[in-house]
Amino acid sequence: CDSLVYTMLDSVIELHRRPIMKYKKNQITAKFIKLQIKNDQISQVFMNTNAMIVSQSDSVNFDQIRGKNMVAYLENNKLRKINVMEDGALIYFGRENENLSAINKLTCKDMMIYLFNGEVDTIWFYENPEGKLYPPGFLEKSELKFDVFEWNDIQKQKKKDDVFIWSES
């Protein structure tokens, strides 16, 4: 992010101006991100406005979850669940034996994602879920990413001094 504010009174870290977070193989973005600290660990991550989670499925495809807002819940430094609120949507590249087998595109009002050992275990879709499975090659390239999609792997810091390298965007 461009800047952050830490408030000791309520143990909150606010990330401002194009915040990007990495968690394992996932990239988390939103217009504004707030981290709640409890017992010296992050307990919740609030992603407000244009919240999105992206992970690279293969060399050209990206699994994506988006919503107006999201809240991620952590226990013992492990991500346990993510609540996607308003305008929930996903694009997921299904695999069978390491080969792309189907592309799942789905929209709903809200969704709840449960994780086990850092991987998605269960997803609940709320209020009018609508989705389709498509065979590989069926969709146009432009239909494989949300309009707010952005992959910032180049911004992944490789060493501590990289934090001082600023992009022009």
Protein backbone atom coordinates (compact mmCIF):
# COMPACT_ATOMS: atom_id res chain seq x y z
CA CYS A 1 0.00 0.00 0.00
CA ASP A 2 1.00 3.62 -0.21
CA SER A 3 0.63 4.22 3.51
CA LEU A 4 -0.68 2.59 6.64
CA VAL A 5 -1.98 3.72 9.99
CA TYR A 6 -1.71 1.69 13.19
CA THR A 7 -4.06 2.60 16.02
CA MET A 8 -2.86 1.13 19.30
CA LEU A 9 -6.10 1.96 21.12
CA ASP A 10 -8.15 -0.53 19.10
CA SER A 11 -5.27 -2.60 17.61
CA VAL A 12 -6.18 -1.83 14.00
CA ILE A 13 -3.89 -1.43 11.00
CA GLU A 14 -5.39 0.47 8.05
CA LEU A 15 -3.86 0.06 4.58
CA HIS A 16 -4.43 2.98 2.21
CA ARG A 17 -4.09 3.62 -1.53
CA ARG A 18 -4.10 0.47 -3.65
CA PRO A 19 -3.46 -2.04 -0.86
CA ILE A 20 -2.29 -5.47 -1.95
CA MET A 21 -1.80 -8.39 0.42
CA LYS A 22 -0.37 -11.81 -0.28
CA TYR A 23 -1.43 -14.90 1.66
CA LYS A 24 0.27 -18.07 0.49
CA LYS A 25 -0.60 -18.21 -3.23
CA ASN A 26 -3.47 -15.69 -2.94
CA GLN A 27 -3.49 -12.01 -3.72
CA ILE A 28 -6.02 -9.87 -1.82
CA THR A 29 -7.00 -6.40 -3.03
CA ALA A 30 -9.64 -3.80 -2.20
CA LYS A 31 -9.95 -0.06 -2.18
CA PHE A 32 -9.37 -0.11 1.60
CA ILE A 33 -8.07 -2.91 3.85
CA LYS A 34 -8.16 -2.98 7.63
CA LEU A 35 -6.46 -5.57 9.85
CA GLN A 36 -7.76 -6.32 13.34
CA ILE A 37 -5.05 -7.49 15.72
CA LYS A 38 -5.82 -9.70 18.72
CA ASN A 39 -3.20 -11.31 20.99
CA ASP A 40 -0.42 -10.03 18.69
CA GLN A 41 -1.91 -11.83 15.66
CA ILE A 42 -4.19 -10.80 12.82
CA SER A 43 -7.67 -12.02 13.70
CA GLN A 44 -9.74 -10.38 10.94
CA VAL A 45 -9.09 -8.71 7.60
CA PHE A 46 -11.75 -6.26 6.37
CA MET A 47 -11.66 -5.66 2.60
CA ASN A 48 -13.93 -2.78 1.64
CA THR A 49 -15.04 -1.76 -1.84
CA ASN A 50 -14.05 -3.85 -4.88
CA ALA A 51 -12.73 -6.69 -2.75
CA MET A 52 -11.05 -9.45 -4.70
CA ILE A 53 -9.05 -12.60 -4.06
CA VAL A 54 -7.00 -14.01 -6.92
CA SER A 55 -4.78 -17.08 -7.17
CA GLN A 56 -2.93 -18.34 -10.20
CA SER A 57 -4.51 -21.59 -11.43
CA ASP A 58 -1.93 -22.25 -14.15
CA SER A 59 0.41 -20.23 -16.37
CA VAL A 60 -2.45 -18.25 -17.99
CA ASN A 61 -5.57 -18.68 -15.81
CA PHE A 62 -6.52 -17.19 -12.46
CA ASP A 63 -9.15 -18.35 -9.95
CA GLN A 64 -11.04 -15.25 -8.78
CA ILE A 65 -13.52 -14.36 -6.05
CA ARG A 66 -14.98 -10.88 -5.87
CA GLY A 67 -17.51 -8.99 -3.83
CA LYS A 68 -18.32 -5.48 -2.78
CA ASN A 69 -16.86 -6.21 0.68
CA MET A 70 -15.21 -9.21 2.36
CA VAL A 71 -14.15 -10.20 5.85
CA ALA A 72 -11.51 -12.87 6.38
CA TYR A 73 -11.29 -14.64 9.75
CA LEU A 74 -8.03 -16.09 11.03
CA GLU A 75 -7.29 -18.39 13.96
CA ASN A 76 -3.70 -19.06 15.07
CA ASN A 77 -2.39 -17.28 11.96
CA LYS A 78 -4.42 -19.55 9.67
CA LEU A 79 -7.19 -18.38 7.38
CA ARG A 80 -10.39 -20.20 8.40
CA LYS A 81 -13.25 -18.50 6.55
CA ILE A 82 -14.09 -15.60 4.26
CA ASN A 83 -17.45 -13.83 4.20
CA VAL A 84 -18.17 -12.26 0.79
CA MET A 85 -20.85 -9.59 1.11
CA GLU A 86 -22.85 -8.15 -1.77
CA ASP A 87 -22.30 -8.82 -5.46
CA GLY A 88 -20.49 -12.11 -4.89
CA ALA A 89 -19.00 -13.78 -7.94
CA LEU A 90 -16.37 -16.35 -8.81
CA ILE A 91 -14.46 -17.74 -11.73
CA TYR A 92 -12.86 -21.09 -10.95
CA PHE A 93 -10.79 -23.33 -13.19
CA GLY A 94 -11.61 -26.93 -12.31
CA ARG A 95 -8.88 -29.53 -12.72
CA GLU A 96 -8.81 -33.27 -13.03
CA ASN A 97 -5.41 -34.98 -12.98
CA GLU A 98 -3.70 -31.58 -13.39
CA ASN A 99 -5.63 -30.93 -16.64
CA LEU A 100 -8.20 -28.16 -17.02
CA SER A 101 -11.59 -29.88 -17.04
CA ALA A 102 -14.14 -27.06 -16.65
CA ILE A 103 -14.56 -23.36 -15.94
CA ASN A 104 -17.12 -22.44 -13.29
CA LYS A 105 -18.62 -18.94 -13.42
CA LEU A 106 -21.09 -18.07 -10.69
CA THR A 107 -22.79 -15.00 -9.22
CA CYS A 108 -24.80 -14.60 -6.02
CA LYS A 109 -25.54 -11.96 -3.42
CA ASP A 110 -23.29 -13.32 -0.66
CA MET A 111 -21.04 -16.32 -0.09
CA MET A 112 -19.21 -17.93 2.80
CA ILE A 113 -15.95 -19.75 2.10
CA TYR A 114 -14.55 -22.24 4.60
CA LEU A 115 -10.92 -23.32 4.44
CA PHE A 116 -9.10 -26.36 5.78
CA ASN A 117 -5.29 -26.54 5.80
CA GLY A 118 -5.13 -23.37 3.72
CA GLU A 119 -7.30 -24.75 0.90
CA VAL A 120 -10.95 -24.07 0.10
CA ASP A 121 -13.05 -26.81 1.70
CA THR A 122 -16.67 -25.61 1.30
CA ILE A 123 -18.41 -22.63 -0.27
CA TRP A 124 -21.98 -21.62 0.55
CA PHE A 125 -23.76 -19.37 -1.97
CA TYR A 126 -26.64 -17.21 -0.72
CA GLU A 127 -29.57 -15.50 -2.45
CA ASN A 128 -30.16 -16.48 -6.04
CA PRO A 129 -26.91 -18.20 -6.99
CA GLU A 130 -26.61 -18.52 -10.76
CA GLY A 131 -23.75 -20.30 -12.39
CA LYS A 132 -22.62 -22.40 -15.30
CA LEU A 133 -19.85 -24.85 -16.02
CA TYR A 134 -18.11 -24.32 -19.33
CA PRO A 135 -15.77 -26.67 -21.17
CA PRO A 136 -12.18 -25.46 -21.72
CA GLY A 137 -11.90 -23.25 -24.80
CA PHE A 138 -15.60 -22.34 -24.84
CA LEU A 139 -15.30 -18.84 -23.34
CA GLU A 140 -13.54 -15.88 -24.89
CA LYS A 141 -10.31 -14.77 -23.22
CA SER A 142 -12.04 -11.57 -22.02
CA GLU A 143 -14.66 -13.69 -20.17
CA LEU A 144 -12.01 -15.43 -18.03
CA LYS A 145 -11.27 -12.40 -15.85
CA PHE A 146 -13.44 -9.95 -13.95
CA ASP A 147 -13.33 -6.34 -15.14
CA VAL A 148 -11.50 -5.32 -11.94
CA PHE A 149 -8.93 -8.12 -12.33
CA GLU A 150 -5.34 -7.18 -11.61
CA TRP A 151 -2.39 -9.51 -10.94
CA ASN A 152 0.47 -7.81 -9.17
CA ASP A 153 3.09 -10.54 -8.99
CA ILE A 154 5.69 -8.00 -10.07
CA GLN A 155 5.02 -6.12 -6.83
CA LYS A 156 5.85 -9.15 -4.69
CA GLN A 157 8.83 -8.05 -2.69
CA LYS A 158 11.84 -10.32 -2.97
CA LYS A 159 13.95 -8.59 -0.31
CA LYS A 160 13.31 -6.03 2.42
CA ASP A 161 14.65 -3.03 0.42
CA ASP A 162 12.09 -3.70 -2.36
CA VAL A 163 9.46 -1.95 -0.24
CA PHE A 164 11.08 1.34 -1.29
CA ILE A 165 10.54 0.69 -5.01
CA TRP A 166 7.43 2.62 -6.09
CA SER A 167 5.33 2.00 -9.18
CA GLU A 168 3.95 4.90 -11.17
CA SER A 169 0.39 3.54 -11.25
